[in-house]
């Protein structure tokens, strides 16, 4: 079990940093498109902030479809392993 902890942490870090890079790029292009090449204003940022609201709502909805895969998913196995779920 200890062998996969570092791999899992590395995979999570990779996903966080790579997705952050792509989302930042997408947000920058959105800001540029909304401003029409002109100066960025508060109104432009307020319009672009809808991206984050939609992202949070979408993330919440997607979490409803996740399954438990740890010991809590199989209480019988947790009981025999001696680990509290």
Protein backbone atom coordinates (compact mmCIF):
# COMPACT_ATOMS: atom_id res chain seq x y z
CA UNK A 1 0.00 0.00 0.00
CA UNK A 2 2.83 2.40 0.78
CA UNK A 3 4.29 1.85 -2.69
CA UNK A 4 1.30 3.44 -4.44
CA UNK A 5 0.95 6.47 -2.16
CA UNK A 6 3.81 8.34 -3.80
CA UNK A 7 2.59 7.44 -7.28
CA UNK A 8 -0.91 8.65 -6.45
CA UNK A 9 0.40 11.91 -4.99
CA UNK A 10 2.56 12.45 -8.07
CA UNK A 11 -0.38 11.80 -10.38
CA UNK A 12 -2.58 14.23 -8.44
CA UNK A 13 0.12 16.92 -8.56
CA UNK A 14 0.53 16.40 -12.29
CA UNK A 15 -3.22 16.72 -12.86
CA UNK A 16 -3.53 19.84 -10.71
CA UNK A 17 -0.63 21.69 -12.32
CA UNK A 18 -1.36 20.67 -15.91
CA UNK A 19 -5.07 21.44 -15.65
CA UNK A 20 -4.27 24.78 -13.99
CA UNK A 21 -2.05 25.66 -16.94
CA UNK A 22 -4.76 24.81 -19.47
CA UNK A 23 -7.51 26.58 -17.52
CA UNK A 24 -5.33 29.68 -17.14
CA UNK A 25 -4.68 29.70 -20.88
CA UNK A 26 -8.38 29.27 -21.64
CA UNK A 27 -9.30 32.06 -19.21
CA UNK A 28 -6.72 34.38 -20.80
CA UNK A 29 -8.13 33.76 -24.28
CA UNK A 30 -11.63 34.35 -22.93
CA UNK A 31 -10.57 37.67 -21.39
CA UNK A 32 -8.94 38.73 -24.65
CA UNK A 33 -12.06 37.78 -26.61
CA UNK A 34 -14.42 39.57 -24.25
CA UNK A 35 -12.33 42.75 -24.28
CA UNK A 36 -12.15 42.74 -28.07
CA UNK A 37 -8.47 43.63 -27.89
CA UNK A 38 -9.15 46.74 -25.82
CA UNK A 39 -8.20 47.56 -22.25
CA UNK A 40 -9.38 45.06 -19.64
CA UNK A 41 -12.09 46.55 -17.45
CA UNK A 42 -13.97 45.44 -14.35
CA UNK A 43 -16.94 44.59 -16.56
CA UNK A 44 -14.77 42.29 -18.67
CA UNK A 45 -13.56 40.43 -15.58
CA UNK A 46 -17.10 40.18 -14.21
CA UNK A 47 -18.28 38.64 -17.48
CA UNK A 48 -15.36 36.20 -17.53
CA UNK A 49 -15.94 35.18 -13.91
CA UNK A 50 -18.99 33.19 -15.02
CA UNK A 51 -16.47 30.57 -16.15
CA UNK A 52 -15.53 29.93 -12.51
CA UNK A 53 -19.15 29.77 -11.35
CA UNK A 54 -19.95 27.22 -14.06
CA UNK A 55 -16.78 25.25 -13.23
CA UNK A 56 -17.70 25.02 -9.53
CA UNK A 57 -21.28 23.94 -10.26
CA UNK A 58 -20.09 21.39 -12.84
CA UNK A 59 -17.53 20.03 -10.38
CA UNK A 60 -20.19 19.62 -7.73
CA UNK A 61 -22.51 17.80 -10.12
CA UNK A 62 -19.72 15.48 -11.26
CA UNK A 63 -18.88 14.55 -7.66
CA UNK A 64 -22.37 13.13 -7.33
CA UNK A 65 -21.37 10.41 -9.81
CA UNK A 66 -18.20 9.32 -7.98
CA UNK A 67 -18.15 5.96 -6.22
CA UNK A 68 -16.36 5.17 -2.99
CA UNK A 69 -13.44 2.89 -3.77
CA UNK A 70 -11.72 2.65 -0.38
CA UNK A 71 -12.49 0.52 2.63
CA UNK A 72 -15.81 2.33 3.13
CA UNK A 73 -17.03 0.74 -0.12
CA UNK A 74 -16.55 -2.74 1.32
CA UNK A 75 -17.31 -2.78 5.07
CA UNK A 76 -16.74 -6.55 5.30
CA UNK A 77 -13.17 -6.18 4.06
CA UNK A 78 -12.60 -3.25 6.40
CA UNK A 79 -13.77 -5.34 9.34
CA UNK A 80 -11.35 -8.17 8.55
CA UNK A 81 -8.41 -5.85 7.91
CA UNK A 82 -8.62 -4.24 11.35
CA UNK A 83 -8.71 -0.73 9.84
CA UNK A 84 -11.62 1.55 10.69
CA UNK A 85 -13.43 2.87 7.61
